[in-house]
N, C-alpha and C. Protein backbone atom coordinates (compact mmCIF):
# COMPACT_ATOMS: atom_id res chain seq x y z
N MET A 1 9.35 -10.90 7.29
CA MET A 1 8.19 -10.06 7.51
C MET A 1 7.26 -10.18 6.31
N SER A 2 5.98 -10.31 6.56
CA SER A 2 5.00 -10.47 5.47
C SER A 2 4.81 -9.15 4.73
N HIS A 3 4.26 -9.25 3.53
CA HIS A 3 3.95 -8.04 2.77
C HIS A 3 3.03 -7.13 3.57
N GLU A 4 2.01 -7.72 4.18
CA GLU A 4 1.05 -6.93 4.95
C GLU A 4 1.75 -6.16 6.08
N ALA A 5 2.65 -6.82 6.78
CA ALA A 5 3.36 -6.17 7.89
C ALA A 5 4.25 -5.03 7.40
N GLU A 6 4.96 -5.25 6.31
CA GLU A 6 5.82 -4.21 5.75
C GLU A 6 4.99 -3.02 5.26
N ILE A 7 3.92 -3.32 4.57
CA ILE A 7 3.04 -2.27 4.04
C ILE A 7 2.43 -1.47 5.19
N ARG A 8 1.94 -2.17 6.20
CA ARG A 8 1.34 -1.51 7.36
C ARG A 8 2.37 -0.60 8.04
N GLN A 9 3.58 -1.10 8.21
CA GLN A 9 4.63 -0.32 8.85
C GLN A 9 4.92 0.95 8.05
N PHE A 10 5.00 0.85 6.73
CA PHE A 10 5.25 2.03 5.91
C PHE A 10 4.10 3.03 6.03
N ILE A 11 2.88 2.55 5.95
CA ILE A 11 1.72 3.45 6.02
C ILE A 11 1.67 4.18 7.35
N VAL A 12 1.89 3.46 8.42
CA VAL A 12 1.87 4.11 9.74
C VAL A 12 3.00 5.13 9.85
N SER A 13 4.19 4.76 9.44
CA SER A 13 5.32 5.69 9.58
C SER A 13 5.19 6.90 8.66
N ALA A 14 4.66 6.72 7.46
CA ALA A 14 4.59 7.81 6.50
C ALA A 14 3.32 8.66 6.60
N PHE A 15 2.20 8.04 6.99
CA PHE A 15 0.92 8.75 6.91
C PHE A 15 0.13 8.81 8.21
N ALA A 16 0.37 7.91 9.13
CA ALA A 16 -0.47 7.83 10.32
C ALA A 16 0.35 7.50 11.56
N PRO A 17 1.30 8.36 11.92
CA PRO A 17 2.17 8.04 13.05
C PRO A 17 1.44 7.96 14.40
N ASP A 18 0.22 8.48 14.46
CA ASP A 18 -0.55 8.42 15.71
C ASP A 18 -1.29 7.10 15.89
N ILE A 19 -1.30 6.26 14.85
CA ILE A 19 -2.01 4.98 14.92
C ILE A 19 -1.01 3.88 15.24
N PRO A 20 -1.23 3.12 16.31
CA PRO A 20 -0.35 1.98 16.59
C PRO A 20 -0.44 0.94 15.46
N LEU A 21 0.66 0.28 15.16
CA LEU A 21 0.69 -0.72 14.08
C LEU A 21 -0.44 -1.74 14.21
N ASP A 22 -0.69 -2.20 15.42
CA ASP A 22 -1.70 -3.24 15.61
C ASP A 22 -3.13 -2.70 15.55
N GLN A 23 -3.27 -1.40 15.39
CA GLN A 23 -4.60 -0.79 15.31
C GLN A 23 -5.01 -0.44 13.88
N LEU A 24 -4.17 -0.76 12.91
CA LEU A 24 -4.48 -0.49 11.50
C LEU A 24 -4.94 -1.79 10.84
N PRO A 25 -6.26 -1.97 10.69
CA PRO A 25 -6.77 -3.21 10.10
C PRO A 25 -6.37 -3.34 8.62
N ASP A 26 -6.19 -4.56 8.19
CA ASP A 26 -5.81 -4.81 6.80
C ASP A 26 -6.86 -4.32 5.81
N ASP A 27 -8.12 -4.28 6.22
CA ASP A 27 -9.19 -3.91 5.29
C ASP A 27 -9.67 -2.46 5.43
N LEU A 28 -9.01 -1.66 6.26
CA LEU A 28 -9.39 -0.26 6.43
C LEU A 28 -9.13 0.50 5.13
N ASP A 29 -10.13 1.22 4.63
CA ASP A 29 -9.96 1.99 3.40
C ASP A 29 -9.15 3.25 3.70
N LEU A 30 -7.93 3.26 3.24
CA LEU A 30 -7.00 4.35 3.53
C LEU A 30 -7.37 5.63 2.81
N LEU A 31 -8.03 5.50 1.68
CA LEU A 31 -8.42 6.67 0.90
C LEU A 31 -9.69 7.30 1.45
N ASP A 32 -10.70 6.49 1.71
CA ASP A 32 -11.96 7.01 2.25
C ASP A 32 -11.80 7.63 3.63
N THR A 33 -10.89 7.10 4.43
CA THR A 33 -10.68 7.63 5.78
C THR A 33 -9.77 8.86 5.78
N GLY A 34 -9.13 9.15 4.65
CA GLY A 34 -8.25 10.31 4.56
C GLY A 34 -6.85 10.06 5.09
N ILE A 35 -6.54 8.83 5.46
CA ILE A 35 -5.18 8.53 5.92
C ILE A 35 -4.20 8.78 4.78
N VAL A 36 -4.59 8.39 3.57
CA VAL A 36 -3.77 8.63 2.38
C VAL A 36 -4.58 9.52 1.44
N ASP A 37 -4.00 10.67 1.05
CA ASP A 37 -4.66 11.56 0.10
C ASP A 37 -4.08 11.31 -1.30
N SER A 38 -4.44 12.16 -2.26
CA SER A 38 -4.01 11.90 -3.64
C SER A 38 -2.49 11.96 -3.79
N LEU A 39 -1.84 12.91 -3.15
CA LEU A 39 -0.37 12.95 -3.23
C LEU A 39 0.25 11.79 -2.46
N GLY A 40 -0.36 11.42 -1.35
CA GLY A 40 0.10 10.27 -0.60
C GLY A 40 -0.04 8.98 -1.40
N LEU A 41 -1.09 8.91 -2.21
CA LEU A 41 -1.29 7.73 -3.06
C LEU A 41 -0.14 7.60 -4.04
N LEU A 42 0.30 8.70 -4.62
CA LEU A 42 1.44 8.64 -5.53
C LEU A 42 2.71 8.19 -4.80
N ARG A 43 2.89 8.69 -3.60
CA ARG A 43 4.05 8.28 -2.79
C ARG A 43 3.97 6.80 -2.45
N LEU A 44 2.78 6.32 -2.10
CA LEU A 44 2.58 4.91 -1.76
C LEU A 44 2.85 4.01 -2.97
N ILE A 45 2.35 4.41 -4.12
CA ILE A 45 2.57 3.63 -5.35
C ILE A 45 4.06 3.56 -5.67
N ALA A 46 4.76 4.70 -5.54
CA ALA A 46 6.21 4.72 -5.81
C ALA A 46 6.95 3.84 -4.83
N TRP A 47 6.56 3.87 -3.55
CA TRP A 47 7.22 3.04 -2.54
C TRP A 47 7.03 1.56 -2.85
N VAL A 48 5.79 1.18 -3.19
CA VAL A 48 5.51 -0.22 -3.52
C VAL A 48 6.37 -0.66 -4.70
N GLY A 49 6.44 0.17 -5.73
CA GLY A 49 7.26 -0.17 -6.89
C GLY A 49 8.71 -0.36 -6.54
N ASP A 50 9.25 0.57 -5.73
CA ASP A 50 10.65 0.48 -5.33
C ASP A 50 10.91 -0.70 -4.40
N ARG A 51 10.09 -0.83 -3.38
CA ARG A 51 10.30 -1.85 -2.35
C ARG A 51 10.19 -3.27 -2.91
N TYR A 52 9.20 -3.48 -3.78
CA TYR A 52 8.95 -4.83 -4.28
C TYR A 52 9.44 -5.03 -5.71
N ARG A 53 10.17 -4.05 -6.20
CA ARG A 53 10.76 -4.13 -7.55
C ARG A 53 9.73 -4.47 -8.62
N ILE A 54 8.66 -3.69 -8.58
CA ILE A 54 7.58 -3.84 -9.55
C ILE A 54 7.66 -2.64 -10.49
N PRO A 55 7.83 -2.87 -11.79
CA PRO A 55 7.86 -1.74 -12.73
C PRO A 55 6.44 -1.16 -12.88
N ILE A 56 6.14 -0.17 -12.05
CA ILE A 56 4.78 0.38 -11.98
C ILE A 56 4.30 0.87 -13.33
N GLU A 57 5.20 1.46 -14.11
CA GLU A 57 4.79 1.99 -15.41
C GLU A 57 4.28 0.89 -16.34
N ASP A 58 4.64 -0.35 -16.08
CA ASP A 58 4.18 -1.48 -16.89
C ASP A 58 2.89 -2.10 -16.35
N GLN A 59 2.39 -1.58 -15.24
CA GLN A 59 1.21 -2.16 -14.60
C GLN A 59 -0.04 -1.34 -14.93
N ASP A 60 -1.16 -2.03 -15.00
CA ASP A 60 -2.45 -1.37 -15.13
C ASP A 60 -2.98 -1.22 -13.70
N ILE A 61 -2.87 0.00 -13.15
CA ILE A 61 -3.22 0.19 -11.74
C ILE A 61 -4.41 1.13 -11.59
N SER A 62 -5.06 1.00 -10.45
CA SER A 62 -6.17 1.88 -10.09
C SER A 62 -6.06 2.19 -8.60
N PRO A 63 -6.67 3.28 -8.15
CA PRO A 63 -6.63 3.60 -6.72
C PRO A 63 -7.18 2.48 -5.85
N ALA A 64 -8.13 1.73 -6.34
CA ALA A 64 -8.71 0.64 -5.55
C ALA A 64 -7.67 -0.39 -5.15
N GLN A 65 -6.66 -0.58 -5.97
CA GLN A 65 -5.60 -1.54 -5.66
C GLN A 65 -4.69 -1.07 -4.52
N PHE A 66 -4.82 0.20 -4.15
CA PHE A 66 -3.98 0.78 -3.11
C PHE A 66 -4.84 1.37 -1.98
N SER A 67 -6.06 0.87 -1.85
CA SER A 67 -6.98 1.45 -0.88
C SER A 67 -6.86 0.86 0.52
N SER A 68 -6.20 -0.27 0.67
CA SER A 68 -6.04 -0.88 1.99
C SER A 68 -4.76 -1.71 2.00
N VAL A 69 -4.35 -2.07 3.18
CA VAL A 69 -3.17 -2.92 3.32
C VAL A 69 -3.39 -4.22 2.55
N ALA A 70 -4.57 -4.81 2.70
CA ALA A 70 -4.88 -6.08 2.02
C ALA A 70 -4.85 -5.94 0.51
N SER A 71 -5.43 -4.85 -0.02
CA SER A 71 -5.46 -4.69 -1.48
C SER A 71 -4.06 -4.42 -2.03
N ILE A 72 -3.23 -3.72 -1.29
CA ILE A 72 -1.85 -3.48 -1.73
C ILE A 72 -1.07 -4.79 -1.74
N ALA A 73 -1.22 -5.59 -0.69
CA ALA A 73 -0.55 -6.89 -0.63
C ALA A 73 -1.00 -7.79 -1.78
N SER A 74 -2.27 -7.75 -2.09
CA SER A 74 -2.81 -8.53 -3.21
C SER A 74 -2.21 -8.05 -4.53
N PHE A 75 -2.08 -6.74 -4.70
CA PHE A 75 -1.45 -6.18 -5.90
C PHE A 75 -0.01 -6.68 -6.02
N VAL A 76 0.74 -6.63 -4.93
CA VAL A 76 2.14 -7.08 -4.94
C VAL A 76 2.21 -8.56 -5.30
N ASP A 77 1.38 -9.37 -4.67
CA ASP A 77 1.38 -10.81 -4.97
C ASP A 77 1.02 -11.06 -6.43
N GLY A 78 0.03 -10.34 -6.94
CA GLY A 78 -0.38 -10.50 -8.34
C GLY A 78 0.71 -10.07 -9.31
N ALA A 79 1.38 -8.97 -9.01
CA ALA A 79 2.45 -8.49 -9.89
C ALA A 79 3.62 -9.47 -9.89
N HIS A 80 3.92 -10.06 -8.76
CA HIS A 80 5.02 -11.03 -8.69
C HIS A 80 4.66 -12.34 -9.37
N SER A 81 3.38 -12.68 -9.41
CA SER A 81 2.99 -13.93 -10.06
C SER A 81 3.08 -13.83 -11.57
N LEU A 82 3.15 -12.60 -12.11
CA LEU A 82 3.28 -12.41 -13.55
C LEU A 82 4.70 -12.58 -14.03
N VAL A 83 5.63 -12.57 -13.10
CA VAL A 83 7.06 -12.64 -13.47
C VAL A 83 7.48 -14.07 -13.67
C-alpha cells in the first residue's frame, strides 16, 4: 500500500468517517476544510511518526507539511531520504 493510501485511510477513519476513501483528494486542504483541527493535527503528526518511524522531535515541521494527503506523503518521503 502506498503512503498516500495509508495516510488517506487513517484520515478517513480518524477524522472523516462520512467521506468515502475514493472521495478524499490528495490535494484537499485538511486544515482549511476543518477535517483536521488543531488537536487532530497533533494526533496526525503522532500517527505519522509512529507509523513511519520518524523521530518527530528531530524534525523541523510546520502545519503546511500536514495539510493534505500529498503534503504528508511528501514529508514522509523527505524524512526517509535523510536516513
